[in-house]
Amino acid sequence: MADYFTLGGVKSTEMGIVDVTHIIRPIYSGSREYLQYIAGMDGAHYHGEDQKDSIFWVRGYVDADSRSELVEKERALRTWLKNKELRSLIFSEEPDKRYMAKITGEVFQDPVGLLMFMEIPFIVPSGYAEAVTAKTGVNVFPATNAGSLPCPCLITCTMATDTPSLKITLTETGEYIHLYRPLAAGDEIYIDTGQRFVAVNGGDARDDVTYLSSFFLLSPGEFTLTADPATTTISAEYRERWA
């Protein structure tokens, strides 16, 4: 069991939560299947699935020397927890992994004397944990995704020569991103496979990506990225994920 958790860089102990007694979270957050039903056909066509969000329940308690101090701590906790943006949620038992989370619903508290027990619900929209620190490398392949889930990557390329196009291939699957436009030596190309975004020297270049291109994910294990032309410098940054 975690001794504490960190939310947005602030430890729960700093906010007066003496102990985390329970962390209730799903082993698997479930999936959302895409089915197509056709009249006169038994069953349905299956068109894949996405992972659902997860709900965590974190239970702990706060103590105080007086009732007024307990009320002050309650108000400070309310201010700390209330936030409309996703923040990193890290449990002390896994300090190298984070969940991007926010409070959802109501936070219940139950004062007993000078102790205040509470139950804090967090929603994790992605449903998975990810590495606190992203991995980076320049022209260092094969590289390794040590997570248990596929993850997107940020690819930055620097052109060494003038060329009519650029093709980045994930060797293990044959998937590629083909940018079909003239490029000059020194041009900087930025590819975000998670956001399906491509830029050349800071300008949006998505319209120049060919139809058969795939904004691939990196499967667990070793992977290699290659460039055509081969003289192109490739920098890859990725954040591993776990179920």
C-alpha atoms as a PDB file:
ATOM      1  CA  MET A   1       0.000   0.000   0.000  1.00  0.00           C
ATOM      2  CA  ALA A   2       1.265   3.472  -0.848  1.00  0.00           C
ATOM      3  CA  ASP A   3       2.428   5.590   2.094  1.00  0.00           C
ATOM      4  CA  TYR A   4       1.444   8.737   0.223  1.00  0.00           C
ATOM      5  CA  PHE A   5       0.549  10.035  -3.206  1.00  0.00           C
ATOM      6  CA  THR A   6       1.701  13.046  -5.171  1.00  0.00           C
ATOM      7  CA  LEU A   7      -0.755  15.182  -7.104  1.00  0.00           C
ATOM      8  CA  GLY A   8       0.608  17.892  -9.374  1.00  0.00           C
ATOM      9  CA  GLY A   9       3.998  17.673  -7.641  1.00  0.00           C
ATOM     10  CA  VAL A  10       2.585  18.109  -4.106  1.00  0.00           C
ATOM     11  CA  LYS A  11       2.767  15.211  -1.639  1.00  0.00           C
ATOM     12  CA  SER A  12      -0.368  14.243   0.249  1.00  0.00           C
ATOM     13  CA  THR A  13       1.655  14.356   3.495  1.00  0.00           C
ATOM     14  CA  GLU A  14       2.384  18.038   2.871  1.00  0.00           C
ATOM     15  CA  MET A  15      -1.377  18.600   2.786  1.00  0.00           C
ATOM     16  CA  GLY A  16      -1.913  16.901   6.124  1.00  0.00           C
ATOM     17  CA  ILE A  17      -2.967  13.432   4.934  1.00  0.00           C
ATOM     18  CA  VAL A  18      -1.227  11.297   7.550  1.00  0.00           C
ATOM     19  CA  ASP A  19      -1.743   7.956   5.864  1.00  0.00           C
ATOM     20  CA  VAL A  20      -3.208   6.432   2.691  1.00  0.00           C
ATOM     21  CA  THR A  21      -5.180   3.433   3.888  1.00  0.00           C
ATOM     22  CA  HIS A  22      -6.727   2.163   0.644  1.00  0.00           C
ATOM     23  CA  ILE A  23      -6.246   2.579  -3.103  1.00  0.00           C
ATOM     24  CA  ILE A  24      -9.131   1.013  -5.004  1.00  0.00           C
ATOM     25  CA  ARG A  25      -8.583   0.802  -8.753  1.00  0.00           C
ATOM     26  CA  PRO A  26      -9.620  -1.579 -11.528  1.00  0.00           C
ATOM     27  CA  ILE A  27      -7.213  -4.266 -12.680  1.00  0.00           C
ATOM     28  CA  TYR A  28      -8.464  -3.481 -16.182  1.00  0.00           C
ATOM     29  CA  SER A  29     -10.462  -0.374 -17.008  1.00  0.00           C
ATOM     30  CA  GLY A  30     -12.521  -2.122 -19.669  1.00  0.00           C
ATOM     31  CA  SER A  31     -13.032  -1.393 -23.342  1.00  0.00           C
ATOM     32  CA  ARG A  32     -15.428   0.406 -25.644  1.00  0.00           C
ATOM     33  CA  GLU A  33     -16.249  -1.805 -28.631  1.00  0.00           C
ATOM     34  CA  TYR A  34     -17.379  -0.447 -31.989  1.00  0.00           C
ATOM     35  CA  LEU A  35     -20.060  -2.685 -33.495  1.00  0.00           C
ATOM     36  CA  GLN A  36     -22.117  -2.293 -36.644  1.00  0.00           C
ATOM     37  CA  TYR A  37     -25.530  -3.909 -36.742  1.00  0.00           C
ATOM     38  CA  ILE A  38     -27.096  -4.746 -40.116  1.00  0.00           C
ATOM     39  CA  ALA A  39     -30.716  -5.769 -40.548  1.00  0.00           C
ATOM     40  CA  GLY A  40     -31.016  -9.411 -41.551  1.00  0.00           C
ATOM     41  CA  MET A  41     -27.507 -10.315 -40.389  1.00  0.00           C
ATOM     42  CA  ASP A  42     -26.904 -12.339 -37.249  1.00  0.00           C
ATOM     43  CA  GLY A  43     -24.568 -10.772 -34.763  1.00  0.00           C
ATOM     44  CA  ALA A  44     -22.600  -7.652 -35.671  1.00  0.00           C
ATOM     45  CA  HIS A  45     -19.493  -6.465 -37.475  1.00  0.00           C
ATOM     46  CA  TYR A  46     -16.633  -5.713 -35.079  1.00  0.00           C
ATOM     47  CA  HIS A  47     -14.683  -2.522 -35.875  1.00  0.00           C
ATOM     48  CA  GLY A  48     -12.168  -2.507 -33.051  1.00  0.00           C
ATOM     49  CA  GLU A  49     -12.161  -1.058 -29.561  1.00  0.00           C
ATOM     50  CA  ASP A  50     -10.717   1.680 -27.367  1.00  0.00           C
ATOM     51  CA  GLN A  51      -9.744   1.502 -23.724  1.00  0.00           C
ATOM     52  CA  LYS A  52     -12.124   3.187 -21.302  1.00  0.00           C
ATOM     53  CA  ASP A  53     -11.223   5.656 -18.584  1.00  0.00           C
ATOM     54  CA  SER A  54     -10.531   4.460 -15.025  1.00  0.00           C
ATOM     55  CA  ILE A  55     -11.831   5.601 -11.657  1.00  0.00           C
ATOM     56  CA  PHE A  56      -9.550   5.355  -8.608  1.00  0.00           C
ATOM     57  CA  TRP A  57     -10.748   5.706  -5.014  1.00  0.00           C
ATOM     58  CA  VAL A  58      -8.057   6.842  -2.579  1.00  0.00           C
ATOM     59  CA  ARG A  59      -8.832   6.662   1.132  1.00  0.00           C
ATOM     60  CA  GLY A  60      -6.845   8.294   3.903  1.00  0.00           C
ATOM     61  CA  TYR A  61      -7.151  10.445   6.979  1.00  0.00           C
ATOM     62  CA  VAL A  62      -6.035  13.764   8.434  1.00  0.00           C
ATOM     63  CA  ASP A  63      -5.411  14.480  12.112  1.00  0.00           C
ATOM     64  CA  ALA A  64      -5.225  17.740  14.070  1.00  0.00           C
ATOM     65  CA  ASP A  65      -4.731  19.095  17.572  1.00  0.00           C
ATOM     66  CA  SER A  66      -7.995  21.034  17.558  1.00  0.00           C
ATOM     67  CA  ARG A  67     -11.294  21.210  15.726  1.00  0.00           C
ATOM     68  CA  SER A  68     -10.400  24.599  14.219  1.00  0.00           C
ATOM     69  CA  GLU A  69      -7.111  23.203  12.875  1.00  0.00           C
ATOM     70  CA  LEU A  70      -9.011  20.300  11.335  1.00  0.00           C
ATOM     71  CA  VAL A  71     -11.356  22.728   9.561  1.00  0.00           C
ATOM     72  CA  GLU A  72      -8.347  24.721   8.250  1.00  0.00           C
ATOM     73  CA  LYS A  73      -6.770  21.552   6.874  1.00  0.00           C
ATOM     74  CA  GLU A  74     -10.057  20.580   5.250  1.00  0.00           C
ATOM     75  CA  ARG A  75     -10.229  23.930   3.461  1.00  0.00           C
ATOM     76  CA  ALA A  76      -6.598  23.656   2.297  1.00  0.00           C
ATOM     77  CA  LEU A  77      -7.326  20.178   0.933  1.00  0.00           C
ATOM     78  CA  ARG A  78     -10.364  21.468  -0.934  1.00  0.00           C
ATOM     79  CA  THR A  79      -8.232  24.154  -2.613  1.00  0.00           C
ATOM     80  CA  TRP A  80      -5.497  21.651  -3.505  1.00  0.00           C
ATOM     81  CA  LEU A  81      -7.811  19.017  -4.930  1.00  0.00           C
ATOM     82  CA  LYS A  82     -10.055  21.335  -6.926  1.00  0.00           C
ATOM     83  CA  ASN A  83      -8.594  21.725 -10.398  1.00  0.00           C
ATOM     84  CA  LYS A  84     -10.088  21.518 -13.902  1.00  0.00           C
ATOM     85  CA  GLU A  85      -6.876  20.301 -15.527  1.00  0.00           C
ATOM     86  CA  LEU A  86      -5.275  16.861 -15.559  1.00  0.00           C
ATOM     87  CA  ARG A  87      -2.330  16.568 -13.205  1.00  0.00           C
ATOM     88  CA  SER A  88       0.188  13.821 -12.542  1.00  0.00           C
ATOM     89  CA  LEU A  89      -0.935  11.378  -9.861  1.00  0.00           C
ATOM     90  CA  ILE A  90       1.955   9.288  -8.496  1.00  0.00           C
ATOM     91  CA  PHE A  91       1.751   6.669  -5.757  1.00  0.00           C
ATOM     92  CA  SER A  92       4.800   6.131  -3.553  1.00  0.00           C
ATOM     93  CA  GLU A  93       4.791   2.396  -4.323  1.00  0.00           C
ATOM     94  CA  GLU A  94       5.529   3.162  -8.017  1.00  0.00           C
ATOM     95  CA  PRO A  95       7.480   6.437  -8.105  1.00  0.00           C
ATOM     96  CA  ASP A  96       8.528   5.924 -11.751  1.00  0.00           C
ATOM     97  CA  LYS A  97       4.936   5.796 -13.057  1.00  0.00           C
ATOM     98  CA  ARG A  98       2.223   8.436 -13.202  1.00  0.00           C
ATOM     99  CA  TYR A  99      -1.460   8.667 -14.022  1.00  0.00           C
ATOM    100  CA  MET A 100      -2.781  11.837 -15.620  1.00  0.00           C
ATOM    101  CA  ALA A 101      -5.808  12.426 -13.436  1.00  0.00           C
ATOM    102  CA  LYS A 102      -8.224  14.872 -11.867  1.00  0.00           C
ATOM    103  CA  ILE A 103     -10.861  14.811  -9.155  1.00  0.00           C
ATOM    104  CA  THR A 104     -14.275  13.610 -10.279  1.00  0.00           C
ATOM    105  CA  GLY A 105     -17.507  13.758  -8.346  1.00  0.00           C
ATOM    106  CA  GLU A 106     -17.592  14.560  -4.635  1.00  0.00           C
ATOM    107  CA  VAL A 107     -14.871  14.070  -2.043  1.00  0.00           C
ATOM    108  CA  PHE A 108     -16.472  12.701   1.106  1.00  0.00           C
ATOM    109  CA  GLN A 109     -15.077  13.302   4.587  1.00  0.00           C
ATOM    110  CA  ASP A 110     -16.086  11.769   7.900  1.00  0.00           C
ATOM    111  CA  PRO A 111     -14.772  13.544  11.015  1.00  0.00           C
ATOM    112  CA  VAL A 112     -14.316  11.384  14.105  1.00  0.00           C
ATOM    113  CA  GLY A 113     -13.019  13.466  16.980  1.00  0.00           C
ATOM    114  CA  LEU A 114      -9.824  15.114  15.730  1.00  0.00           C
ATOM    115  CA  LEU A 115      -9.463  12.692  12.825  1.00  0.00           C
ATOM    116  CA  MET A 116     -11.001  13.276   9.403  1.00  0.00           C
ATOM    117  CA  PHE A 117     -11.349  10.230   7.181  1.00  0.00           C
ATOM    118  CA  MET A 118     -11.807  10.912   3.467  1.00  0.00           C
ATOM    119  CA  GLU A 119     -12.434   9.159   0.185  1.00  0.00           C
ATOM    120  CA  ILE A 120     -11.059  10.898  -2.918  1.00  0.00           C
ATOM    121  CA  PRO A 121     -12.270   9.821  -6.391  1.00  0.00           C
ATOM    122  CA  PHE A 122      -9.874  10.363  -9.313  1.00  0.00           C
ATOM    123  CA  ILE A 123     -10.667   9.892 -12.985  1.00  0.00           C
ATOM    124  CA  VAL A 124      -7.844   8.746 -15.278  1.00  0.00           C
ATOM    125  CA  PRO A 125      -9.213   9.466 -18.790  1.00  0.00           C
ATOM    126  CA  SER A 126      -6.545   7.427 -20.591  1.00  0.00           C
ATOM    127  CA  GLY A 127      -7.022   4.389 -18.355  1.00  0.00           C
ATOM    128  CA  TYR A 128      -3.285   3.599 -18.217  1.00  0.00           C
ATOM    129  CA  ALA A 129      -0.133   4.520 -16.322  1.00  0.00           C
ATOM    130  CA  GLU A 130       2.808   6.107 -18.098  1.00  0.00           C
ATOM    131  CA  ALA A 131       6.481   6.701 -17.340  1.00  0.00           C
ATOM    132  CA  VAL A 132       7.257   9.801 -15.318  1.00  0.00           C
ATOM    133  CA  THR A 133      10.359  10.332 -17.458  1.00  0.00           C
ATOM    134  CA  ALA A 134      10.232  10.121 -21.246  1.00  0.00           C
ATOM    135  CA  LYS A 135      12.949   8.223 -23.111  1.00  0.00           C
ATOM    136  CA  THR A 136      14.911  10.052 -25.785  1.00  0.00           C
ATOM    137  CA  GLY A 137      17.561   9.090 -28.279  1.00  0.00           C
ATOM    138  CA  VAL A 138      19.215  10.401 -31.443  1.00  0.00           C
ATOM    139  CA  ASN A 139      20.020   7.820 -34.131  1.00  0.00           C
ATOM    140  CA  VAL A 140      20.147   5.113 -31.439  1.00  0.00           C
ATOM    141  CA  PHE A 141      18.322   2.059 -32.807  1.00  0.00           C
ATOM    142  CA  PRO A 142      17.131  -0.473 -31.996  1.00  0.00           C
ATOM    143  CA  ALA A 143      15.579   1.155 -28.954  1.00  0.00           C
ATOM    144  CA  THR A 144      13.259  -0.489 -26.416  1.00  0.00           C
ATOM    145  CA  ASN A 145       9.729   0.189 -25.262  1.00  0.00           C
ATOM    146  CA  ALA A 146       9.837  -1.462 -21.822  1.00  0.00           C
ATOM    147  CA  GLY A 147       6.156  -0.783 -21.104  1.00  0.00           C
ATOM    148  CA  SER A 148       3.313  -3.279 -21.464  1.00  0.00           C
ATOM    149  CA  LEU A 149       1.282  -1.191 -23.941  1.00  0.00           C
ATOM    150  CA  PRO A 150       1.995   0.434 -27.318  1.00  0.00           C
ATOM    151  CA  CYS A 151       2.900   4.109 -27.035  1.00  0.00           C
ATOM    152  CA  PRO A 152       3.110   7.056 -29.439  1.00  0.00           C
ATOM    153  CA  CYS A 153       6.347   8.864 -30.135  1.00  0.00           C
ATOM    154  CA  LEU A 154       7.631  12.294 -31.031  1.00  0.00           C
ATOM    155  CA  ILE A 155      10.014  12.135 -33.988  1.00  0.00           C
ATOM    156  CA  THR A 156      12.260  15.043 -34.933  1.00  0.00           C
ATOM    157  CA  CYS A 157      14.259  14.865 -38.158  1.00  0.00           C
ATOM    158  CA  THR A 158      16.967  17.133 -39.517  1.00  0.00           C
ATOM    159  CA  MET A 159      17.543  16.958 -43.243  1.00  0.00           C
ATOM    160  CA  ALA A 160      21.172  16.569 -44.349  1.00  0.00           C
ATOM    161  CA  THR A 161      20.477  17.024 -48.089  1.00  0.00           C
ATOM    162  CA  ASP A 162      17.848  18.433 -50.404  1.00  0.00           C
ATOM    163  CA  THR A 163      15.222  15.810 -51.182  1.00  0.00           C
ATOM    164  CA  PRO A 164      11.792  15.546 -52.856  1.00  0.00           C
ATOM    165  CA  SER A 165      10.288  13.704 -49.850  1.00  0.00           C
ATOM    166  CA  LEU A 166      10.922  12.069 -46.458  1.00  0.00           C
ATOM    167  CA  LYS A 167       9.820   8.601 -45.371  1.00  0.00           C
ATOM    168  CA  ILE A 168      10.102   7.349 -41.770  1.00  0.00           C
ATOM    169  CA  THR A 169       9.532   3.598 -41.371  1.00  0.00           C
ATOM    170  CA  LEU A 170       8.935   1.456 -38.298  1.00  0.00           C
ATOM    171  CA  THR A 171      10.960  -1.573 -39.352  1.00  0.00           C
ATOM    172  CA  GLU A 172       9.170  -4.183 -37.227  1.00  0.00           C
ATOM    173  CA  THR A 173       5.733  -3.583 -38.775  1.00  0.00           C
ATOM    174  CA  GLY A 174       6.552  -1.905 -42.075  1.00  0.00           C
ATOM    175  CA  GLU A 175       4.326   1.053 -41.179  1.00  0.00           C
ATOM    176  CA  TYR A 176       5.571   4.402 -42.386  1.00  0.00           C
ATOM    177  CA  ILE A 177       4.949   8.126 -42.498  1.00  0.00           C
ATOM    178  CA  HIS A 178       5.652   9.578 -45.930  1.00  0.00           C
ATOM    179  CA  LEU A 179       5.974  13.336 -46.211  1.00  0.00           C
ATOM    180  CA  TYR A 180       5.756  14.124 -49.917  1.00  0.00           C
ATOM    181  CA  ARG A 181       7.079  17.648 -50.462  1.00  0.00           C
ATOM    182  CA  PRO A 182      10.454  19.192 -51.358  1.00  0.00           C
ATOM    183  CA  LEU A 183      12.727  19.524 -48.360  1.00  0.00           C
ATOM    184  CA  ALA A 184      16.034  21.345 -48.084  1.00  0.00           C
ATOM    185  CA  ALA A 185      19.178  20.592 -46.101  1.00  0.00           C
ATOM    186  CA  GLY A 186      18.738  21.901 -42.567  1.00  0.00           C
ATOM    187  CA  ASP A 187      14.940  21.638 -42.548  1.00  0.00           C
ATOM    188  CA  GLU A 188      13.464  20.466 -39.225  1.00  0.00           C
ATOM    189  CA  ILE A 189      10.561  18.003 -39.375  1.00  0.00           C
ATOM    190  CA  TYR A 190       8.426  17.276 -36.303  1.00  0.00           C
ATOM    191  CA  ILE A 191       6.091  14.252 -36.196  1.00  0.00           C
ATOM    192  CA  ASP A 192       3.757  13.492 -33.282  1.00  0.00           C
ATOM    193  CA  THR A 193       2.253  10.048 -33.889  1.00  0.00           C
ATOM    194  CA  GLY A 194      -0.117  10.410 -30.918  1.00  0.00           C
ATOM    195  CA  GLN A 195      -1.642  13.697 -32.091  1.00  0.00           C
ATOM    196  CA  ARG A 196      -1.269  12.786 -35.796  1.00  0.00           C
ATOM    197  CA  PHE A 197       0.555  16.026 -36.411  1.00  0.00           C
ATOM    198  CA  VAL A 198       3.438  16.903 -38.753  1.00  0.00           C
ATOM    199  CA  ALA A 199       5.272  20.210 -39.046  1.00  0.00           C
ATOM    200  CA  VAL A 200       8.147  21.472 -41.209  1.00  0.00           C
ATOM    201  CA  ASN A 201      10.161  24.298 -39.690  1.00  0.00           C
ATOM    202  CA  GLY A 202       7.228  24.979 -37.353  1.00  0.00           C
ATOM    203  CA  GLY A 203       4.562  25.107 -40.071  1.00  0.00           C
ATOM    204  CA  ASP A 204       1.674  22.635 -40.348  1.00  0.00           C
ATOM    205  CA  ALA A 205       2.523  20.008 -42.989  1.00  0.00           C
ATOM    206  CA  ARG A 206      -0.261  17.461 -42.476  1.00  0.00           C
ATOM    207  CA  ASP A 207      -1.615  18.062 -45.976  1.00  0.00           C
ATOM    208  CA  ASP A 208       1.679  16.730 -47.389  1.00  0.00           C
ATOM    209  CA  VAL A 209       1.413  13.325 -45.662  1.00  0.00           C
ATOM    210  CA  THR A 210       0.501  10.616 -48.184  1.00  0.00           C
ATOM    211  CA  TYR A 211      -2.744   8.665 -47.952  1.00  0.00           C
ATOM    212  CA  LEU A 212      -1.181   5.287 -47.112  1.00  0.00           C
ATOM    213  CA  SER A 213       0.884   6.684 -44.252  1.00  0.00           C
ATOM    214  CA  SER A 214       0.192   5.422 -40.722  1.00  0.00           C
ATOM    215  CA  PHE A 215       0.757   7.328 -37.490  1.00  0.00           C
ATOM    216  CA  PHE A 216       2.104   4.203 -35.822  1.00  0.00           C
ATOM    217  CA  LEU A 217       2.501   3.304 -32.155  1.00  0.00           C
ATOM    218  CA  LEU A 218       5.590   1.618 -30.726  1.00  0.00           C
ATOM    219  CA  SER A 219       4.781  -1.917 -29.578  1.00  0.00           C
ATOM    220  CA  PRO A 220       6.413  -3.286 -26.406  1.00  0.00           C
ATOM    221  CA  GLY A 221       9.919  -4.567 -27.059  1.00  0.00           C
ATOM    222  CA  GLU A 222      12.647  -3.443 -29.421  1.00  0.00           C
ATOM    223  CA  PHE A 223      11.908  -1.148 -32.350  1.00  0.00           C
ATOM    224  CA  THR A 224      13.866   0.526 -35.130  1.00  0.00           C
ATOM    225  CA  LEU A 225      13.080   3.715 -37.025  1.00  0.00           C
ATOM    226  CA  THR A 226      14.699   4.286 -40.400  1.00  0.00           C
ATOM    227  CA  ALA A 227      14.684   7.298 -42.702  1.00  0.00           C
ATOM    228  CA  ASP A 228      14.758   7.701 -46.449  1.00  0.00           C
ATOM    229  CA  PRO A 229      17.022   9.492 -47.291  1.00  0.00           C
ATOM    230  CA  ALA A 230      19.273   7.561 -44.911  1.00  0.00           C
ATOM    231  CA  THR A 231      21.431  10.610 -44.104  1.00  0.00           C
ATOM    232  CA  THR A 232      18.540  12.127 -42.136  1.00  0.00           C
ATOM    233  CA  THR A 233      19.119  12.530 -38.399  1.00  0.00           C
ATOM    234  CA  ILE A 234      16.281  10.976 -36.359  1.00  0.00           C
ATOM    235  CA  SER A 235      15.506  11.883 -32.764  1.00  0.00           C
ATOM    236  CA  ALA A 236      12.770   9.875 -31.000  1.00  0.00           C
ATOM    237  CA  GLU A 237      11.065  10.677 -27.711  1.00  0.00           C
ATOM    238  CA  TYR A 238       8.456   8.386 -26.157  1.00  0.00           C
ATOM    239  CA  ARG A 239       6.790   7.799 -22.808  1.00  0.00           C
ATOM    240  CA  GLU A 240       6.186   4.140 -21.975  1.00  0.00           C
ATOM    241  CA  ARG A 241       2.732   2.971 -20.862  1.00  0.00           C
ATOM    242  CA  TRP A 242       1.376   0.242 -18.614  1.00  0.00           C
ATOM    243  CA  ALA A 243      -2.103  -1.233 -18.219  1.00  0.00           C
END
